[in-house]
Structure formats: C-alpha cells, structure tokens
Amino acid sequence: MSDNHEQFCRRLDEHHQWPCPYTFKFIVPTTNLKDLTELFPEEKLSFRESKNGKFTSVTMESTMCSSGEVAAVYQKAAQVPGIMSL
C-alpha cells in the first residue's frame, strides 16, 4: 500500500463514520462512458453532459462501509481511459 493510499484512507476515516453515504464524482470522456457504467451496474448514476458533448460528469452515491471500500471504488474507476476523479 502506498503512502498516498494510506494518507487518503486516514483522511476519510477522520471525516466519516462508517457505514455512511459517500458521493463519488467523475468526469469521463463521453466516448468512454459505457466503460464506467459497466464497472458499476448496480449503482445509481446520474449524468450531465458538457456543453460540447466531449465529456460527461457522473455522480454516484453509495453506502460505503470503510475508507478501504471508497479507495477500491476509485481504483476500479481508474481503469476507464481518460477518467478524472473529483
């Protein structure tokens, strides 16, 4: 586990009491949107396309049980080419 990963988890643990709802925000090239939705088929996702249609903002709210679970979602999402996690 990297220092950044441990620091991220520690910060999450300082600010959240698990389990709790957690909101994920991603910006995805619209051409790769399907890749993201296929990674999270059970999750409720909301979408907002950019003005020029090149990117789509995706919001996903899910109940997380630990900081490690949150980090795993971000790691999974990182598989999508061009994704930006906010």
C-alpha atoms as a PDB file:
ATOM      1  CA  MET A   1       0.000   0.000   0.000  1.00  0.00           C
ATOM      2  CA  SER A   2       1.424   3.383  -0.958  1.00  0.00           C
ATOM      3  CA  ASP A   3       1.802   6.304   1.429  1.00  0.00           C
ATOM      4  CA  ASN A   4      -0.737   8.280  -0.640  1.00  0.00           C
ATOM      5  CA  HIS A   5      -3.273   5.458  -0.301  1.00  0.00           C
ATOM      6  CA  GLU A   6      -2.757   5.240   3.465  1.00  0.00           C
ATOM      7  CA  GLN A   7      -2.976   9.020   3.848  1.00  0.00           C
ATOM      8  CA  PHE A   8      -6.173   9.114   1.764  1.00  0.00           C
ATOM      9  CA  CYS A   9      -7.766   6.373   3.895  1.00  0.00           C
ATOM     10  CA  ARG A  10      -6.686   8.074   7.114  1.00  0.00           C
ATOM     11  CA  ARG A  11      -8.284  11.359   5.993  1.00  0.00           C
ATOM     12  CA  LEU A  12     -11.505   9.603   5.069  1.00  0.00           C
ATOM     13  CA  ASP A  13     -11.570   7.901   8.466  1.00  0.00           C
ATOM     14  CA  GLU A  14     -11.099  11.270  10.199  1.00  0.00           C
ATOM     15  CA  HIS A  15     -14.108  12.789   8.421  1.00  0.00           C
ATOM     16  CA  HIS A  16     -16.560   9.896   8.108  1.00  0.00           C
ATOM     17  CA  GLN A  17     -18.232   7.424  10.408  1.00  0.00           C
ATOM     18  CA  TRP A  18     -18.720   4.136   8.593  1.00  0.00           C
ATOM     19  CA  PRO A  19     -21.063   2.990   7.192  1.00  0.00           C
ATOM     20  CA  CYS A  20     -22.281   6.180   5.546  1.00  0.00           C
ATOM     21  CA  PRO A  21     -23.423   7.524   2.180  1.00  0.00           C
ATOM     22  CA  TYR A  22     -20.496   8.643   0.049  1.00  0.00           C
ATOM     23  CA  THR A  23     -20.730  10.709  -3.132  1.00  0.00           C
ATOM     24  CA  PHE A  24     -18.312   9.964  -5.959  1.00  0.00           C
ATOM     25  CA  LYS A  25     -17.846  12.429  -8.815  1.00  0.00           C
ATOM     26  CA  PHE A  26     -16.136  11.588 -12.067  1.00  0.00           C
ATOM     27  CA  ILE A  27     -15.579  13.348 -15.360  1.00  0.00           C
ATOM     28  CA  VAL A  28     -15.369  10.901 -18.230  1.00  0.00           C
ATOM     29  CA  PRO A  29     -14.791  11.333 -21.947  1.00  0.00           C
ATOM     30  CA  THR A  30     -18.290  10.680 -23.316  1.00  0.00           C
ATOM     31  CA  THR A  31     -16.866   8.035 -25.644  1.00  0.00           C
ATOM     32  CA  ASN A  32     -15.775   6.029 -22.554  1.00  0.00           C
ATOM     33  CA  LEU A  33     -18.967   6.470 -20.538  1.00  0.00           C
ATOM     34  CA  LYS A  34     -20.090   2.902 -21.234  1.00  0.00           C
ATOM     35  CA  ASP A  35     -16.842   1.607 -19.691  1.00  0.00           C
ATOM     36  CA  LEU A  36     -17.705   3.331 -16.399  1.00  0.00           C
ATOM     37  CA  THR A  37     -21.354   2.268 -16.315  1.00  0.00           C
ATOM     38  CA  GLU A  38     -20.338  -1.352 -16.947  1.00  0.00           C
ATOM     39  CA  LEU A  39     -17.997  -1.248 -13.928  1.00  0.00           C
ATOM     40  CA  PHE A  40     -20.831  -0.209 -11.603  1.00  0.00           C
ATOM     41  CA  PRO A  41     -24.004  -1.868 -12.938  1.00  0.00           C
ATOM     42  CA  GLU A  42     -25.753  -1.963  -9.547  1.00  0.00           C
ATOM     43  CA  GLU A  43     -25.135   1.671  -8.658  1.00  0.00           C
ATOM     44  CA  LYS A  44     -27.435   4.616  -9.252  1.00  0.00           C
ATOM     45  CA  LEU A  45     -25.564   7.002 -11.515  1.00  0.00           C
ATOM     46  CA  SER A  46     -26.590  10.475 -12.652  1.00  0.00           C
ATOM     47  CA  PHE A  47     -25.117  12.111 -15.733  1.00  0.00           C
ATOM     48  CA  ARG A  48     -24.567  15.602 -17.069  1.00  0.00           C
ATOM     49  CA  GLU A  49     -23.002  16.098 -20.465  1.00  0.00           C
ATOM     50  CA  SER A  50     -20.662  19.012 -21.112  1.00  0.00           C
ATOM     51  CA  LYS A  51     -21.701  21.823 -23.409  1.00  0.00           C
ATOM     52  CA  ASN A  52     -19.716  20.451 -26.350  1.00  0.00           C
ATOM     53  CA  GLY A  53     -20.572  16.812 -25.548  1.00  0.00           C
ATOM     54  CA  LYS A  54     -16.972  15.644 -25.237  1.00  0.00           C
ATOM     55  CA  PHE A  55     -17.213  14.894 -21.515  1.00  0.00           C
ATOM     56  CA  THR A  56     -19.848  13.648 -19.123  1.00  0.00           C
ATOM     57  CA  SER A  57     -19.970  14.368 -15.417  1.00  0.00           C
ATOM     58  CA  VAL A  58     -21.054  11.318 -13.426  1.00  0.00           C
ATOM     59  CA  THR A  59     -22.275  11.330  -9.834  1.00  0.00           C
ATOM     60  CA  MET A  60     -22.611   8.110  -7.894  1.00  0.00           C
ATOM     61  CA  GLU A  61     -23.854   7.930  -4.320  1.00  0.00           C
ATOM     62  CA  SER A  62     -23.368   4.682  -2.498  1.00  0.00           C
ATOM     63  CA  THR A  63     -23.254   3.488   1.088  1.00  0.00           C
ATOM     64  CA  MET A  64     -19.671   2.680   1.973  1.00  0.00           C
ATOM     65  CA  CYS A  65     -18.564   0.633   4.983  1.00  0.00           C
ATOM     66  CA  SER A  66     -14.918   1.735   5.175  1.00  0.00           C
ATOM     67  CA  SER A  67     -12.275   4.012   3.728  1.00  0.00           C
ATOM     68  CA  GLY A  68     -10.789   0.962   2.019  1.00  0.00           C
ATOM     69  CA  GLU A  69     -14.075   0.400   0.180  1.00  0.00           C
ATOM     70  CA  VAL A  70     -14.033   4.016  -1.050  1.00  0.00           C
ATOM     71  CA  ALA A  71     -10.438   3.653  -2.238  1.00  0.00           C
ATOM     72  CA  ALA A  72     -11.353   0.412  -4.053  1.00  0.00           C
ATOM     73  CA  VAL A  73     -14.108   2.227  -5.987  1.00  0.00           C
ATOM     74  CA  TYR A  74     -11.651   4.915  -7.094  1.00  0.00           C
ATOM     75  CA  GLN A  75      -9.137   2.225  -8.113  1.00  0.00           C
ATOM     76  CA  LYS A  76     -11.790   0.392 -10.095  1.00  0.00           C
ATOM     77  CA  ALA A  77     -12.907   3.608 -11.828  1.00  0.00           C
ATOM     78  CA  ALA A  78      -9.284   4.408 -12.717  1.00  0.00           C
ATOM     79  CA  GLN A  79      -9.471   1.604 -15.311  1.00  0.00           C
ATOM     80  CA  VAL A  80     -11.566   3.894 -17.541  1.00  0.00           C
ATOM     81  CA  PRO A  81      -9.326   5.723 -20.024  1.00  0.00           C
ATOM     82  CA  GLY A  82      -9.320   9.493 -19.516  1.00  0.00           C
ATOM     83  CA  ILE A  83     -11.370   9.486 -16.312  1.00  0.00           C
ATOM     84  CA  MET A  84     -10.914  12.263 -13.768  1.00  0.00           C
ATOM     85  CA  SER A  85     -11.979  11.553 -10.201  1.00  0.00           C
ATOM     86  CA  LEU A  86     -13.007  14.521  -8.108  1.00  0.00           C
END
